[in-house]
């Protein structure tokens, strides 16, 4: 069975042969039959350019063959090689060969750089996969000793509670509290690494039920804050359901957490642009100083202390990593005290109509 590459080479070969045959027939027709010096040699540029572009140095055999063919035809016609027309024709022949050499040289350089770039991409991909695997294994294995620290610290406090002074009790509290915080950080790191290492298959999902599940999960925070959440009609997209649930939940929980004195008002906007969807999550919260916008997606980066707002600073980096899985981008428009609007895009070649659920190309 002929491979795809072999088929492509056969097509290229057929195109070059066809151009060569046409060139030679035109030369014979004008130079031999009609006795007209029509500078048909200019047509030789087409097979020359294609041959050297596709086959590099090997393609130089094509312009050399064409020039030799033309010389043989002219010799057979008794053309003088010292006349003005002959000199002009000779310069054109040389230019055909020079064009072929330049294109072959540049093509080889480009091919070499392309191969080097592909190797760099492979190395980066392999390094990234190794790093993600390391993060997953390390964070998974680190949980066991932390559980042991927490358990034995609690047992120590229970068993020797009456024998410990206030300093001893405080030390045990610091050990337990530090281990619990470290455990939360490790779990967040594990969640971050799982975005690519343990991702679910991408399938068609209506985003409306996913958002409803998110609102259900956040119902206590919504009730406590008095938040009002509205949204545009949501489309049906080919996504990982769990990750999209996590994406919406991180954005909405942040909008509720970083609220102002007024109850949170959050709106999820959706818009179709060309070959991607753009989502926006707008709130009336405390806002973000523009100088911090680029730092928001750094792992464990926080703008506020844990006493002011709880959390580890992993939510937005997770959102960014999820969106990047779909070839999208994340950004924010916000000013301090004026609320925030987070945007993210999802690339898609095929969509489903938000109202009718019909796929469109």
Protein backbone atom coordinates (compact mmCIF):
# COMPACT_ATOMS: atom_id res chain seq x y z
CA UNK A 1 0.00 0.00 0.00
CA UNK A 2 1.39 3.43 -1.00
CA UNK A 3 2.01 5.74 1.94
CA UNK A 4 0.81 9.35 2.06
CA UNK A 5 4.36 10.69 1.65
CA UNK A 6 4.92 8.50 -1.41
CA UNK A 7 1.70 9.81 -2.94
CA UNK A 8 2.81 13.40 -2.36
CA UNK A 9 6.18 12.70 -3.99
CA UNK A 10 4.45 11.09 -6.98
CA UNK A 11 2.24 14.16 -7.39
CA UNK A 12 5.27 16.49 -7.18
CA UNK A 13 7.15 14.38 -9.71
CA UNK A 14 4.15 14.41 -12.06
CA UNK A 15 3.86 18.22 -11.84
CA UNK A 16 7.59 18.70 -12.59
CA UNK A 17 7.51 16.28 -15.56
CA UNK A 18 4.41 18.02 -16.94
CA UNK A 19 6.11 21.44 -16.73
CA UNK A 20 9.29 20.08 -18.32
CA UNK A 21 7.33 18.53 -21.22
CA UNK A 22 5.39 21.76 -21.76
CA UNK A 23 8.65 23.79 -21.68
CA UNK A 24 10.36 21.51 -24.19
CA UNK A 25 7.36 21.46 -26.53
CA UNK A 26 7.19 25.26 -26.47
CA UNK A 27 10.92 25.48 -27.26
CA UNK A 28 10.54 23.07 -30.19
CA UNK A 29 7.45 24.86 -31.45
CA UNK A 30 8.87 28.40 -31.37
CA UNK A 31 12.58 27.79 -31.86
CA UNK A 32 12.46 24.91 -34.36
CA UNK A 33 9.15 25.08 -36.19
CA UNK A 34 8.36 28.82 -36.20
CA UNK A 35 12.03 29.92 -36.07
CA UNK A 36 11.08 32.61 -33.55
CA UNK A 37 13.39 33.61 -30.70
CA UNK A 38 10.58 34.06 -28.22
CA UNK A 39 12.74 33.77 -25.05
CA UNK A 40 10.68 30.79 -24.07
CA UNK A 41 13.51 29.99 -21.68
CA UNK A 42 11.73 32.25 -19.20
CA UNK A 43 9.21 29.47 -18.77
CA UNK A 44 12.00 27.29 -17.34
CA UNK A 45 11.78 29.23 -14.10
CA UNK A 46 8.58 27.40 -13.09
CA UNK A 47 9.88 23.80 -13.01
CA UNK A 48 13.24 25.11 -11.70
CA UNK A 49 11.69 26.87 -8.71
CA UNK A 50 9.37 23.97 -7.82
CA UNK A 51 12.07 21.30 -8.23
CA UNK A 52 14.67 23.08 -6.07
CA UNK A 53 12.04 24.05 -3.52
CA UNK A 54 10.83 20.46 -3.14
CA UNK A 55 14.01 18.46 -3.72
CA UNK A 56 16.73 20.95 -2.68
CA UNK A 57 20.12 20.19 -4.34
CA UNK A 58 18.76 17.17 -6.19
CA UNK A 59 16.31 19.51 -7.89
CA UNK A 60 19.20 21.33 -9.63
CA UNK A 61 19.24 18.52 -12.20
CA UNK A 62 16.05 20.02 -13.67
CA UNK A 63 17.42 23.49 -14.67
CA UNK A 64 20.68 21.88 -15.85
CA UNK A 65 18.71 19.44 -18.04
CA UNK A 66 16.53 22.23 -19.45
CA UNK A 67 19.50 24.46 -20.27
CA UNK A 68 21.33 21.57 -21.98
CA UNK A 69 18.19 20.75 -23.95
CA UNK A 70 17.90 24.34 -25.13
CA UNK A 71 21.60 24.43 -26.10
CA UNK A 72 21.21 21.23 -28.12
CA UNK A 73 18.17 22.69 -29.90
CA UNK A 74 20.03 25.91 -30.70
CA UNK A 75 23.14 24.03 -31.91
CA UNK A 76 20.95 21.91 -34.18
CA UNK A 77 19.51 25.14 -35.61
CA UNK A 78 22.98 26.57 -36.27
CA UNK A 79 22.54 29.51 -33.87
CA UNK A 80 25.68 31.63 -33.44
CA UNK A 81 26.93 31.85 -29.86
CA UNK A 82 28.57 35.25 -30.38
CA UNK A 83 25.61 37.33 -31.44
CA UNK A 84 23.71 39.76 -29.22
CA UNK A 85 20.64 37.50 -29.01
CA UNK A 86 22.81 34.54 -28.09
CA UNK A 87 24.52 36.52 -25.33
CA UNK A 88 21.15 37.67 -23.94
CA UNK A 89 19.84 34.12 -24.12
CA UNK A 90 22.95 32.84 -22.38
CA UNK A 91 22.51 35.33 -19.51
CA UNK A 92 18.91 34.17 -19.08
CA UNK A 93 20.03 30.54 -18.99
CA UNK A 94 22.60 31.37 -16.31
CA UNK A 95 19.96 33.27 -14.32
CA UNK A 96 17.72 30.17 -14.36
CA UNK A 97 20.55 28.14 -12.88
CA UNK A 98 21.36 30.85 -10.30
CA UNK A 99 17.71 31.01 -9.21
CA UNK A 100 17.71 27.24 -8.77
CA UNK A 101 20.94 27.30 -6.73
CA UNK A 102 19.68 30.12 -4.47
CA UNK A 103 16.32 28.45 -3.85
CA UNK A 104 17.97 25.08 -3.19
CA UNK A 105 20.40 26.70 -0.74
CA UNK A 106 17.68 28.64 1.08
CA UNK A 107 15.38 25.60 1.18
CA UNK A 108 18.11 23.49 2.79
CA UNK A 109 18.78 26.22 5.36
CA UNK A 110 15.07 26.51 6.16
CA UNK A 111 14.73 22.73 6.39
CA UNK A 112 17.71 22.53 8.73
CA UNK A 113 16.29 25.25 10.98
CA UNK A 114 12.88 23.56 10.90
CA UNK A 115 14.40 20.25 12.00
CA UNK A 116 16.31 21.99 14.79
CA UNK A 117 13.14 23.76 15.90
CA UNK A 118 11.21 20.47 15.89
CA UNK A 119 13.91 18.90 18.07
CA UNK A 120 13.71 21.82 20.50
CA UNK A 121 9.90 21.50 20.62
CA UNK A 122 10.20 17.74 21.27
CA UNK A 123 12.73 18.36 24.05
CA UNK A 124 10.52 21.02 25.61
CA UNK A 125 7.48 18.77 25.38
CA UNK A 126 9.38 15.86 26.91
CA UNK A 127 10.79 18.10 29.65
CA UNK A 128 7.34 19.51 30.37
CA UNK A 129 5.83 16.02 30.60
CA UNK A 130 8.65 14.89 32.92
CA UNK A 131 8.14 17.96 35.08
CA UNK A 132 4.40 17.39 35.29
CA UNK A 133 4.95 13.74 36.15
CA UNK A 134 7.48 14.71 38.80
CA UNK A 135 5.05 17.24 40.30
CA UNK A 136 2.31 14.61 40.38
CA UNK A 137 4.48 11.89 41.94
CA UNK A 138 6.16 14.25 44.41
CA UNK A 139 2.92 15.83 45.57
CA UNK A 140 1.23 12.42 45.81
CA UNK A 141 4.06 10.86 47.82
CA UNK A 142 4.45 13.88 50.09
CA UNK A 143 0.90 13.53 51.38
CA UNK A 144 1.67 10.38 53.39
CA UNK A 145 4.40 11.87 55.65
CA UNK A 146 2.27 15.00 56.11
CA UNK A 147 -0.68 12.88 57.24
CA UNK A 148 1.65 11.16 59.69
CA UNK A 149 2.86 14.52 61.05
CA UNK A 150 -0.70 15.77 61.48
CA UNK A 151 -1.91 12.51 63.09
CA UNK A 152 0.96 12.18 65.55
CA UNK A 153 0.81 15.88 66.45
CA UNK A 154 -2.87 15.49 67.29
CA UNK A 155 -2.20 12.31 69.27
CA UNK A 156 0.61 14.07 71.13
CA UNK A 157 -1.70 16.93 72.02
CA UNK A 158 -4.49 14.60 73.18
CA UNK A 159 -2.24 12.31 75.23
CA UNK A 160 -0.05 14.94 76.89
CA UNK A 161 -2.49 17.83 76.93
CA UNK A 162 -2.45 18.10 80.74
CA UNK A 163 1.35 17.83 80.94
CA UNK A 164 2.15 20.51 78.35
CA UNK A 165 2.52 24.15 79.23
CA UNK A 166 1.18 26.92 77.03
CA UNK A 167 4.38 27.08 74.95
CA UNK A 168 4.26 23.32 74.28
CA UNK A 169 0.62 23.51 73.21
CA UNK A 170 1.43 26.44 70.95
CA UNK A 171 4.33 24.55 69.35
CA UNK A 172 2.11 21.56 68.62
CA UNK A 173 -0.51 23.89 67.15
CA UNK A 174 2.11 25.43 64.83
CA UNK A 175 3.24 21.97 63.71
CA UNK A 176 -0.31 20.80 63.00
CA UNK A 177 -1.37 24.05 61.34
CA UNK A 178 1.76 24.18 59.17
CA UNK A 179 1.31 20.55 58.10
CA UNK A 180 -2.36 21.17 57.22
CA UNK A 181 -1.44 24.23 55.11
CA UNK A 182 1.29 22.25 53.38
CA UNK A 183 -1.21 19.47 52.69
CA UNK A 184 -3.57 21.99 51.05
CA UNK A 185 -0.73 23.34 48.90
CA UNK A 186 0.25 19.82 47.82
CA UNK A 187 -3.35 18.96 46.92
CA UNK A 188 -3.56 22.15 44.85
CA UNK A 189 -0.28 21.29 43.12
CA UNK A 190 -1.65 17.82 42.45
CA UNK A 191 -4.80 19.33 40.91
CA UNK A 192 -2.64 21.59 38.75
CA UNK A 193 -0.53 18.69 37.45
CA UNK A 194 -3.61 16.55 36.76
CA UNK A 195 -4.97 19.06 34.23
CA UNK A 196 -2.80 17.45 31.55
CA UNK A 197 -1.60 14.17 33.12
CA UNK A 198 -5.06 12.84 34.03
CA UNK A 199 -7.37 14.81 31.76
CA UNK A 200 -10.70 13.31 30.73
CA UNK A 201 -11.65 12.81 27.06
CA UNK A 202 -13.01 15.90 25.31
CA UNK A 203 -16.65 15.39 24.36
CA UNK A 204 -19.70 17.46 23.45
CA UNK A 205 -21.25 19.03 26.57
CA UNK A 206 -23.99 21.57 27.13
CA UNK A 207 -22.39 24.21 29.38
CA UNK A 208 -25.73 25.11 30.99
CA UNK A 209 -25.92 22.01 33.27
CA UNK A 210 -22.23 22.42 34.10
CA UNK A 211 -22.85 25.98 35.32
CA UNK A 212 -25.89 24.78 37.30
CA UNK A 213 -23.66 22.23 39.07
CA UNK A 214 -21.17 24.99 39.89
CA UNK A 215 -23.91 27.18 41.35
CA UNK A 216 -25.13 24.21 43.40
CA UNK A 217 -21.60 23.62 44.72
CA UNK A 218 -21.29 27.28 45.71
CA UNK A 219 -24.78 27.65 47.16
CA UNK A 220 -23.55 28.22 50.74
CA UNK A 221 -21.18 31.01 49.65
CA UNK A 222 -23.89 32.48 47.39
CA UNK A 223 -26.44 32.46 50.22
CA UNK A 224 -24.02 33.92 52.74
CA UNK A 225 -22.87 36.75 50.45
CA UNK A 226 -26.23 37.41 48.80
CA UNK A 227 -24.62 37.01 45.40
CA UNK A 228 -26.70 37.31 42.23
CA UNK A 229 -25.38 35.32 39.25
CA UNK A 230 -26.72 35.86 35.73
CA UNK A 231 -25.51 34.58 32.39
CA UNK A 232 -26.05 34.68 28.63
CA UNK A 233 -27.32 31.54 26.85
CA UNK A 234 -24.45 29.07 26.99
CA UNK A 235 -23.36 27.01 23.97
CA UNK A 236 -22.64 23.31 23.63
CA UNK A 237 -18.90 22.76 23.15
CA UNK A 238 -16.45 19.90 22.89
CA UNK A 239 -14.76 20.10 26.30
CA UNK A 240 -13.66 18.17 29.37
CA UNK A 241 -16.71 18.45 31.63
CA UNK A 242 -14.83 18.21 34.94
CA UNK A 243 -12.28 20.81 33.92
CA UNK A 244 -14.92 23.24 32.68
CA UNK A 245 -16.79 22.83 35.95
CA UNK A 246 -13.54 23.66 37.75
CA UNK A 247 -12.98 26.62 35.42
CA UNK A 248 -16.38 28.20 36.13
CA UNK A 249 -16.16 27.39 39.83
CA UNK A 250 -12.76 29.05 40.26
CA UNK A 251 -13.87 32.24 38.51
CA UNK A 252 -17.20 32.45 40.36
CA UNK A 253 -15.76 31.62 43.79
CA UNK A 254 -13.13 34.36 43.29
CA UNK A 255 -15.85 36.85 42.31
CA UNK A 256 -17.76 35.97 45.49
CA UNK A 257 -14.69 35.90 47.74
CA UNK A 258 -13.22 39.24 46.63
CA UNK A 259 -16.47 41.13 47.03
CA UNK A 260 -17.09 44.69 48.12
CA UNK A 261 -19.46 45.85 50.82
CA UNK A 262 -22.36 45.43 48.38
CA UNK A 263 -23.69 41.93 47.56
CA UNK A 264 -21.82 40.45 44.57
CA UNK A 265 -23.40 40.87 41.14
CA UNK A 266 -21.80 38.47 38.68
CA UNK A 267 -22.60 38.09 34.99
CA UNK A 268 -21.21 35.47 32.63
CA UNK A 269 -21.15 36.75 29.06
CA UNK A 270 -20.69 34.60 25.95
CA UNK A 271 -19.90 35.72 22.41
CA UNK A 272 -19.04 33.87 19.21
CA UNK A 273 -16.15 35.40 17.22
CA UNK A 274 -14.80 33.74 14.06
CA UNK A 275 -13.43 30.33 15.09
CA UNK A 276 -13.55 30.76 18.86
CA UNK A 277 -15.83 31.59 21.77
CA UNK A 278 -15.09 34.41 24.17
CA UNK A 279 -16.41 34.16 27.75
CA UNK A 280 -16.45 36.99 30.28
CA UNK A 281 -17.06 36.91 34.04
CA UNK A 282 -17.90 40.39 35.29
CA UNK A 283 -18.28 41.32 38.97
CA UNK A 284 -18.67 44.42 41.15
CA UNK A 285 -15.97 43.40 43.63
CA UNK A 286 -12.88 45.08 45.05
CA UNK A 287 -11.06 45.13 41.70
CA UNK A 288 -7.38 44.63 40.91
CA UNK A 289 -4.64 47.19 40.42
CA UNK A 290 -3.53 47.00 36.73
CA UNK A 291 0.13 46.62 37.75
CA UNK A 292 -0.70 43.17 39.18
CA UNK A 293 -2.65 41.85 36.18
CA UNK A 294 0.26 39.87 34.68
CA UNK A 295 1.17 38.23 38.01
CA UNK A 296 -2.26 36.79 38.75
CA UNK A 297 -1.56 33.54 36.88
CA UNK A 298 1.68 32.68 38.70
CA UNK A 299 1.36 29.57 40.86
CA UNK A 300 0.72 30.38 44.55
CA UNK A 301 0.92 34.14 43.91
CA UNK A 302 -1.33 36.12 46.26
CA UNK A 303 -2.30 39.79 46.36
CA UNK A 304 -3.75 39.55 49.87
CA UNK A 305 -2.82 37.86 53.12
CA UNK A 306 -4.49 34.61 54.16
CA UNK A 307 -6.06 36.45 57.08
CA UNK A 308 -7.81 38.83 54.68
CA UNK A 309 -8.85 36.24 52.10
CA UNK A 310 -8.26 32.47 52.46
CA UNK A 311 -6.78 30.42 49.62
CA UNK A 312 -3.47 29.29 48.15
CA UNK A 313 -3.32 31.31 44.91
CA UNK A 314 -3.67 28.29 42.62
CA UNK A 315 -7.17 29.00 41.26
CA UNK A 316 -6.30 31.35 38.38
CA UNK A 317 -3.19 29.37 37.28
CA UNK A 318 -5.46 26.31 37.02
CA UNK A 319 -7.94 28.34 34.95
CA UNK A 320 -5.16 29.47 32.62
CA UNK A 321 -3.84 25.92 32.18
CA UNK A 322 -7.33 24.59 31.41
CA UNK A 323 -7.98 27.33 28.84
CA UNK A 324 -4.58 26.72 27.20
CA UNK A 325 -5.61 23.11 26.65
CA UNK A 326 -8.17 24.46 24.16
CA UNK A 327 -5.74 26.89 22.51
CA UNK A 328 -7.31 29.86 24.32
CA UNK A 329 -6.11 32.81 26.36
CA UNK A 330 -7.02 34.37 29.71
CA UNK A 331 -6.85 38.05 30.63
CA UNK A 332 -8.48 40.54 32.98
CA UNK A 333 -9.73 44.10 32.77
CA UNK A 334 -9.97 45.71 36.18
CA UNK A 335 -9.24 48.73 38.32
CA UNK A 336 -8.95 48.92 42.08
CA UNK A 337 -12.39 49.46 43.62
CA UNK A 338 -14.23 49.18 40.28
CA UNK A 339 -14.81 45.45 39.92
CA UNK A 340 -13.20 43.01 37.51
CA UNK A 341 -13.98 41.30 34.22
CA UNK A 342 -12.09 38.12 33.45
CA UNK A 343 -12.07 36.93 29.85
CA UNK A 344 -11.11 33.59 28.35
CA UNK A 345 -11.36 32.18 24.85
CA UNK A 346 -12.01 28.64 23.63
CA UNK A 347 -10.99 27.76 20.08
CA UNK A 348 -13.32 25.49 18.19
CA UNK A 349 -13.74 24.41 14.55
CA UNK A 350 -17.18 22.93 15.07
CA UNK A 351 -19.86 24.33 17.32
CA UNK A 352 -23.37 23.59 18.37
CA UNK A 353 -26.09 26.18 18.16
CA UNK A 354 -26.82 27.52 21.67
CA UNK A 355 -30.57 27.49 21.09
CA UNK A 356 -31.14 24.41 18.92
CA UNK A 357 -28.10 22.29 19.75
CA UNK A 358 -27.27 21.74 16.07
CA UNK A 359 -23.66 21.36 14.91
CA UNK A 360 -22.38 23.89 12.43
CA UNK A 361 -19.15 23.72 10.44
